[in-house]
Structure formats: structure tokens, C-alpha cells
């Protein structure tokens, strides 16, 4: 694995940790009812993880 690939995976894992902290203590019903948390999770996925989608797929397929 190249260093760039490692850095991409590291960034994604850090963002997943952030998401886990955001939703700690939530069940599905509470999450669905909490608009602020839903938006925060969606924005984190959209801005911090999805931009790396193609690189991640390339890493997986290597």
C-alpha cells in the first residue's frame, strides 16, 4: 500500500471515529428525531468521506 493510500484510509477512519462519538447513546428512533445530529452526520459523510470514494474503491480493488 502506498503512503497516499494509507493517509486516505487514516483520514476516513478518523472521520468514522468522529461519527461514532456524534451518535453515541442514540438508538434509531432518537437519531431519526434529532435533526441536528442527522444533518451533522450527513455533512460529515458528504464533506469528509465521499470525496475519497474513488480512491477507496481503488485501494479495495488492488
N, C-alpha and C. Protein backbone atom coordinates (compact mmCIF):
# COMPACT_ATOMS: atom_id res chain seq x y z
N UNK A 1 0.85 -1.17 0.00
CA UNK A 1 0.00 0.00 0.00
C UNK A 1 0.90 1.23 0.00
N UNK A 2 0.56 2.19 -0.85
CA UNK A 2 1.32 3.42 -0.94
C UNK A 2 1.00 4.33 0.25
N UNK A 3 1.90 5.25 0.54
CA UNK A 3 1.70 6.18 1.64
C UNK A 3 0.41 6.99 1.45
N UNK A 4 0.15 7.42 0.20
CA UNK A 4 -1.06 8.19 -0.08
C UNK A 4 -2.31 7.38 0.29
N UNK A 5 -2.30 6.11 -0.06
CA UNK A 5 -3.42 5.23 0.27
C UNK A 5 -3.59 5.12 1.79
N UNK A 6 -2.49 4.98 2.47
CA UNK A 6 -2.53 4.89 3.94
C UNK A 6 -3.12 6.16 4.53
N UNK A 7 -2.72 7.32 4.02
CA UNK A 7 -3.23 8.60 4.52
C UNK A 7 -4.73 8.73 4.27
N UNK A 8 -5.21 8.28 3.13
CA UNK A 8 -6.65 8.32 2.82
C UNK A 8 -7.42 7.44 3.80
N UNK A 9 -6.93 6.22 4.01
CA UNK A 9 -7.61 5.31 4.96
C UNK A 9 -7.58 5.88 6.38
N UNK A 10 -6.47 6.47 6.75
CA UNK A 10 -6.35 7.07 8.08
C UNK A 10 -7.37 8.19 8.26
N UNK A 11 -7.52 9.06 7.26
CA UNK A 11 -8.49 10.16 7.31
C UNK A 11 -9.92 9.62 7.44
N UNK A 12 -10.25 8.61 6.66
CA UNK A 12 -11.59 8.02 6.71
C UNK A 12 -11.86 7.43 8.09
N UNK A 13 -10.89 6.71 8.64
CA UNK A 13 -11.07 6.11 9.96
C UNK A 13 -11.23 7.17 11.05
N UNK A 14 -10.50 8.27 10.93
CA UNK A 14 -10.66 9.37 11.90
C UNK A 14 -12.07 9.95 11.83
N UNK A 15 -12.59 10.12 10.63
CA UNK A 15 -13.94 10.65 10.47
C UNK A 15 -14.99 9.67 10.99
N UNK A 16 -14.76 8.39 10.82
CA UNK A 16 -15.68 7.38 11.37
C UNK A 16 -15.68 7.47 12.89
N UNK A 17 -14.51 7.69 13.49
CA UNK A 17 -14.45 7.88 14.94
C UNK A 17 -15.29 9.08 15.38
N UNK A 18 -15.19 10.18 14.62
CA UNK A 18 -15.98 11.37 14.92
C UNK A 18 -17.47 11.04 14.85
N UNK A 19 -17.87 10.33 13.80
CA UNK A 19 -19.28 9.94 13.66
C UNK A 19 -19.74 9.07 14.82
N UNK A 20 -18.91 8.13 15.22
CA UNK A 20 -19.26 7.27 16.35
C UNK A 20 -19.52 8.09 17.61
N UNK A 21 -18.68 9.08 17.85
CA UNK A 21 -18.87 9.95 19.02
C UNK A 21 -20.17 10.75 18.91
N UNK A 22 -20.48 11.22 17.69
CA UNK A 22 -21.70 12.01 17.48
C UNK A 22 -22.96 11.24 17.82
N UNK A 23 -22.96 9.94 17.49
CA UNK A 23 -24.20 9.17 17.65
C UNK A 23 -24.18 8.26 18.88
N UNK A 24 -23.16 8.42 19.71
CA UNK A 24 -23.08 7.61 20.93
C UNK A 24 -24.34 7.85 21.78
N UNK A 25 -24.98 6.79 22.20
CA UNK A 25 -26.17 6.88 23.03
C UNK A 25 -27.47 7.02 22.24
N UNK A 26 -27.37 7.07 20.92
CA UNK A 26 -28.58 7.19 20.10
C UNK A 26 -29.06 5.81 19.68
N UNK A 27 -30.37 5.60 19.74
CA UNK A 27 -30.95 4.46 19.05
C UNK A 27 -31.52 5.03 17.74
N UNK A 28 -32.04 4.17 16.89
CA UNK A 28 -32.52 4.63 15.58
C UNK A 28 -33.63 5.67 15.71
N UNK A 29 -34.56 5.44 16.63
CA UNK A 29 -35.68 6.38 16.80
C UNK A 29 -35.18 7.76 17.23
N UNK A 30 -34.29 7.79 18.20
CA UNK A 30 -33.76 9.06 18.68
C UNK A 30 -32.97 9.76 17.57
N UNK A 31 -32.19 9.00 16.81
CA UNK A 31 -31.41 9.57 15.71
C UNK A 31 -32.32 10.20 14.66
N UNK A 32 -33.36 9.48 14.28
CA UNK A 32 -34.30 9.98 13.27
C UNK A 32 -34.99 11.26 13.74
N UNK A 33 -35.25 11.36 15.02
CA UNK A 33 -35.94 12.53 15.56
C UNK A 33 -35.01 13.74 15.77
N UNK A 34 -33.70 13.51 15.79
CA UNK A 34 -32.74 14.58 16.08
C UNK A 34 -32.20 15.16 14.77
N UNK A 35 -32.82 16.24 14.31
CA UNK A 35 -32.46 16.84 13.03
C UNK A 35 -31.02 17.33 13.00
N UNK A 36 -30.56 17.91 14.08
CA UNK A 36 -29.19 18.45 14.11
C UNK A 36 -28.16 17.33 13.93
N UNK A 37 -28.35 16.23 14.64
CA UNK A 37 -27.40 15.12 14.54
C UNK A 37 -27.46 14.48 13.16
N UNK A 38 -28.67 14.31 12.61
CA UNK A 38 -28.79 13.76 11.26
C UNK A 38 -28.03 14.62 10.26
N UNK A 39 -28.21 15.92 10.34
CA UNK A 39 -27.53 16.82 9.41
C UNK A 39 -26.01 16.78 9.60
N UNK A 40 -25.57 16.72 10.85
CA UNK A 40 -24.13 16.68 11.12
C UNK A 40 -23.50 15.41 10.55
N UNK A 41 -24.18 14.28 10.74
CA UNK A 41 -23.68 13.02 10.19
C UNK A 41 -23.64 13.08 8.67
N UNK A 42 -24.70 13.56 8.06
CA UNK A 42 -24.75 13.64 6.60
C UNK A 42 -23.67 14.57 6.06
N UNK A 43 -23.46 15.70 6.70
CA UNK A 43 -22.44 16.64 6.23
C UNK A 43 -21.04 16.06 6.39
N UNK A 44 -20.81 15.33 7.47
CA UNK A 44 -19.50 14.69 7.66
C UNK A 44 -19.26 13.66 6.56
N UNK A 45 -20.27 12.86 6.27
CA UNK A 45 -20.13 11.87 5.19
C UNK A 45 -19.89 12.56 3.86
N UNK A 46 -20.68 13.55 3.57
CA UNK A 46 -20.59 14.24 2.29
C UNK A 46 -19.26 14.98 2.12
N UNK A 47 -18.82 15.68 3.14
CA UNK A 47 -17.64 16.54 3.00
C UNK A 47 -16.32 15.84 3.31
N UNK A 48 -16.34 14.85 4.17
CA UNK A 48 -15.09 14.28 4.65
C UNK A 48 -14.82 12.85 4.20
N UNK A 49 -15.84 12.14 3.77
CA UNK A 49 -15.62 10.74 3.38
C UNK A 49 -15.90 10.52 1.90
N UNK A 50 -17.01 11.01 1.38
CA UNK A 50 -17.35 10.77 -0.02
C UNK A 50 -16.32 11.28 -1.02
N UNK A 51 -15.63 12.38 -0.75
CA UNK A 51 -14.60 12.81 -1.72
C UNK A 51 -13.53 11.75 -1.97
N UNK A 52 -13.35 10.84 -1.04
CA UNK A 52 -12.34 9.79 -1.18
C UNK A 52 -12.91 8.48 -1.73
N UNK A 53 -14.16 8.49 -2.15
CA UNK A 53 -14.83 7.26 -2.59
C UNK A 53 -14.04 6.53 -3.68
N UNK A 54 -13.65 7.23 -4.73
CA UNK A 54 -12.95 6.57 -5.83
C UNK A 54 -11.60 6.01 -5.40
N UNK A 55 -10.86 6.79 -4.61
CA UNK A 55 -9.57 6.30 -4.12
C UNK A 55 -9.77 5.07 -3.23
N UNK A 56 -10.79 5.09 -2.40
CA UNK A 56 -11.07 3.96 -1.52
C UNK A 56 -11.41 2.71 -2.34
N UNK A 57 -12.21 2.88 -3.36
CA UNK A 57 -12.55 1.73 -4.22
C UNK A 57 -11.32 1.19 -4.92
N UNK A 58 -10.42 2.08 -5.34
CA UNK A 58 -9.17 1.63 -5.95
C UNK A 58 -8.31 0.84 -4.98
N UNK A 59 -8.25 1.30 -3.74
CA UNK A 59 -7.46 0.61 -2.72
C UNK A 59 -8.04 -0.78 -2.49
N UNK A 60 -9.36 -0.88 -2.39
CA UNK A 60 -10.04 -2.15 -2.14
C UNK A 60 -9.80 -3.12 -3.28
N UNK A 61 -9.81 -2.61 -4.51
CA UNK A 61 -9.69 -3.47 -5.68
C UNK A 61 -8.26 -3.85 -6.03
N UNK A 62 -7.27 -3.31 -5.32
CA UNK A 62 -5.87 -3.65 -5.60
C UNK A 62 -5.54 -5.04 -5.15
